[in-house]
């Protein structure tokens, strides 16, 4: 399948991730939202301790079944991470988060765009945030379901 837009497919017995390939402008219009699998354990002025329920994301290999492992993962965010994570409330677009980050930490636009874009991508890969995708973008990309596991920039 040569298309750059993927959805859930069974390909040679393997399940392929649901991915959405977007342009930079489309990415900036997305609204990140905190995962429902997170519990905030401890909040300080400059740090945030999160607990992520990873039972949904664990791979069911034989080794994992024989050797028990915890169902939760603790993640600590620093001042910059906490600031960005708290803005992922479903109300702010990526562009708005970049603007607030730039104003608060007095960085150039290029530095801020690079840092925030990369950080949001990492948060998404670690299942700490998800994306609210506008309806017009869903229709344009022919995705049937609203859940997308991965966003990548074209």
Protein backbone atom coordinates (compact mmCIF):
# COMPACT_ATOMS: atom_id res chain seq x y z
CA UNK A 1 0.00 0.00 0.00
CA UNK A 2 1.95 3.06 -1.18
CA UNK A 3 -0.33 5.67 0.44
CA UNK A 4 1.28 7.94 3.00
CA UNK A 5 -1.88 8.01 5.08
CA UNK A 6 -2.26 4.89 7.23
CA UNK A 7 -5.11 3.47 9.24
CA UNK A 8 -5.43 0.22 11.15
CA UNK A 9 -4.44 -2.53 8.77
CA UNK A 10 -3.66 -6.18 9.14
CA UNK A 11 -0.59 -6.71 7.04
CA UNK A 12 0.94 -10.17 6.84
CA UNK A 13 -0.48 -11.09 10.27
CA UNK A 14 0.82 -7.94 11.98
CA UNK A 15 -1.25 -5.05 13.26
CA UNK A 16 -0.05 -1.72 11.91
CA UNK A 17 -0.23 1.45 14.02
CA UNK A 18 -2.85 4.04 13.22
CA UNK A 19 -0.83 7.02 12.04
CA UNK A 20 -1.74 10.42 10.72
CA UNK A 21 0.74 12.26 8.53
CA UNK A 22 0.24 16.02 8.69
CA UNK A 23 1.86 19.19 7.47
CA UNK A 24 3.47 21.64 9.89
CA UNK A 25 0.44 23.96 9.75
CA UNK A 26 -1.96 21.07 10.40
CA UNK A 27 0.18 19.90 13.33
CA UNK A 28 0.09 23.39 14.84
CA UNK A 29 -3.73 23.31 14.72
CA UNK A 30 -3.99 20.06 16.72
CA UNK A 31 -5.01 20.20 20.37
CA UNK A 32 -3.02 17.91 22.69
CA UNK A 33 -4.92 16.46 25.65
CA UNK A 34 -3.63 14.63 28.72
CA UNK A 35 -4.10 10.87 28.78
CA UNK A 36 -6.83 9.37 30.94
CA UNK A 37 -4.33 6.71 32.08
CA UNK A 38 -2.41 9.26 34.20
CA UNK A 39 -2.63 10.03 37.88
CA UNK A 40 -0.82 13.06 39.28
CA UNK A 41 1.00 11.87 42.40
CA UNK A 42 2.97 14.91 43.50
CA UNK A 43 3.04 18.49 42.35
CA UNK A 44 5.72 21.01 43.30
CA UNK A 45 6.40 24.48 41.95
CA UNK A 46 8.91 23.25 39.40
CA UNK A 47 8.22 19.50 39.11
CA UNK A 48 5.41 17.07 38.49
CA UNK A 49 5.35 13.35 39.36
CA UNK A 50 2.97 11.29 37.23
CA UNK A 51 1.91 7.67 37.37
CA UNK A 52 0.95 6.03 34.08
CA UNK A 53 -1.19 2.90 34.02
CA UNK A 54 0.66 0.81 31.43
CA UNK A 55 -1.50 -2.33 31.46
CA UNK A 56 -3.11 -1.29 28.16
CA UNK A 57 0.26 -0.72 26.50
CA UNK A 58 2.12 -3.81 27.76
CA UNK A 59 3.06 -6.39 25.18
CA UNK A 60 1.78 -9.86 26.03
CA UNK A 61 4.98 -11.80 25.33
CA UNK A 62 5.70 -15.11 27.05
CA UNK A 63 8.50 -13.52 29.07
CA UNK A 64 6.15 -10.80 30.35
CA UNK A 65 3.62 -13.44 31.42
CA UNK A 66 6.22 -15.52 33.27
CA UNK A 67 8.04 -12.63 34.96
CA UNK A 68 5.61 -10.24 36.61
CA UNK A 69 6.25 -6.54 36.12
CA UNK A 70 4.54 -3.47 37.57
CA UNK A 71 1.36 -2.16 35.98
CA UNK A 72 2.35 1.44 36.61
CA UNK A 73 5.24 3.60 35.51
CA UNK A 74 6.29 6.75 37.36
CA UNK A 75 7.39 9.72 35.30
CA UNK A 76 8.84 12.96 36.64
CA UNK A 77 8.59 16.16 34.63
CA UNK A 78 10.86 19.15 35.20
CA UNK A 79 9.79 22.79 35.13
CA UNK A 80 9.65 23.04 31.33
CA UNK A 81 7.94 19.67 30.98
CA UNK A 82 5.38 20.54 33.65
CA UNK A 83 4.61 23.86 31.97
CA UNK A 84 4.06 22.19 28.59
CA UNK A 85 2.13 19.22 30.00
CA UNK A 86 -0.26 21.44 31.94
CA UNK A 87 -1.11 23.32 28.73
CA UNK A 88 -2.17 20.01 27.12
CA UNK A 89 -5.76 20.40 28.29
CA UNK A 90 -7.60 20.09 24.98
CA UNK A 91 -8.22 23.85 24.85
CA UNK A 92 -4.82 25.00 23.55
CA UNK A 93 -3.53 24.27 20.07
CA UNK A 94 0.12 23.40 19.52
CA UNK A 95 0.62 26.91 18.12
CA UNK A 96 -0.84 28.47 21.30
CA UNK A 97 1.39 26.28 23.48
CA UNK A 98 4.44 27.36 21.46
CA UNK A 99 3.48 31.04 21.85
CA UNK A 100 2.96 30.73 25.64
CA UNK A 101 6.22 28.79 26.02
CA UNK A 102 8.11 31.42 24.00
CA UNK A 103 6.67 34.30 26.04
CA UNK A 104 7.37 32.62 29.38
CA UNK A 105 10.90 31.38 28.73
CA UNK A 106 12.06 34.16 26.35
CA UNK A 107 13.27 31.93 23.52
CA UNK A 108 13.33 32.53 19.78
CA UNK A 109 10.41 31.23 17.71
CA UNK A 110 12.57 28.62 15.95
CA UNK A 111 13.99 27.27 19.22
CA UNK A 112 10.54 27.13 20.77
CA UNK A 113 8.87 25.45 17.78
CA UNK A 114 11.58 22.79 17.64
CA UNK A 115 11.60 22.09 21.37
CA UNK A 116 7.82 22.03 21.90
CA UNK A 117 7.12 19.99 18.76
CA UNK A 118 9.72 17.38 19.75
CA UNK A 119 8.54 17.29 23.37
CA UNK A 120 4.87 16.84 22.42
CA UNK A 121 5.86 14.03 20.07
CA UNK A 122 7.74 12.32 22.91
CA UNK A 123 4.81 12.78 25.33
CA UNK A 124 2.52 11.21 22.73
CA UNK A 125 4.88 8.28 22.11
CA UNK A 126 4.97 7.62 25.87
CA UNK A 127 1.14 7.70 26.05
CA UNK A 128 1.06 10.80 28.28
CA UNK A 129 -0.97 12.85 25.81
CA UNK A 130 -3.31 12.23 22.91
CA UNK A 131 -4.61 14.48 20.16
CA UNK A 132 -7.94 16.13 19.48
CA UNK A 133 -8.10 16.06 15.71
CA UNK A 134 -10.43 18.54 13.97
CA UNK A 135 -13.31 16.96 12.03
CA UNK A 136 -12.25 18.54 8.72
CA UNK A 137 -8.80 16.96 9.08
CA UNK A 138 -10.38 13.55 9.77
CA UNK A 139 -12.55 13.83 6.67
CA UNK A 140 -9.64 14.99 4.51
CA UNK A 141 -7.45 12.04 5.54
CA UNK A 142 -10.22 9.43 5.22
CA UNK A 143 -9.67 8.09 8.76
CA UNK A 144 -12.81 6.39 10.03
CA UNK A 145 -11.92 6.35 13.74
CA UNK A 146 -10.98 9.37 15.84
CA UNK A 147 -8.21 7.60 17.73
CA UNK A 148 -4.75 7.93 16.21
CA UNK A 149 -1.72 6.43 17.90
CA UNK A 150 0.93 8.40 16.10
CA UNK A 151 1.20 11.81 14.46
CA UNK A 152 4.10 12.48 12.12
CA UNK A 153 5.07 15.58 10.21
CA UNK A 154 5.40 15.29 6.44
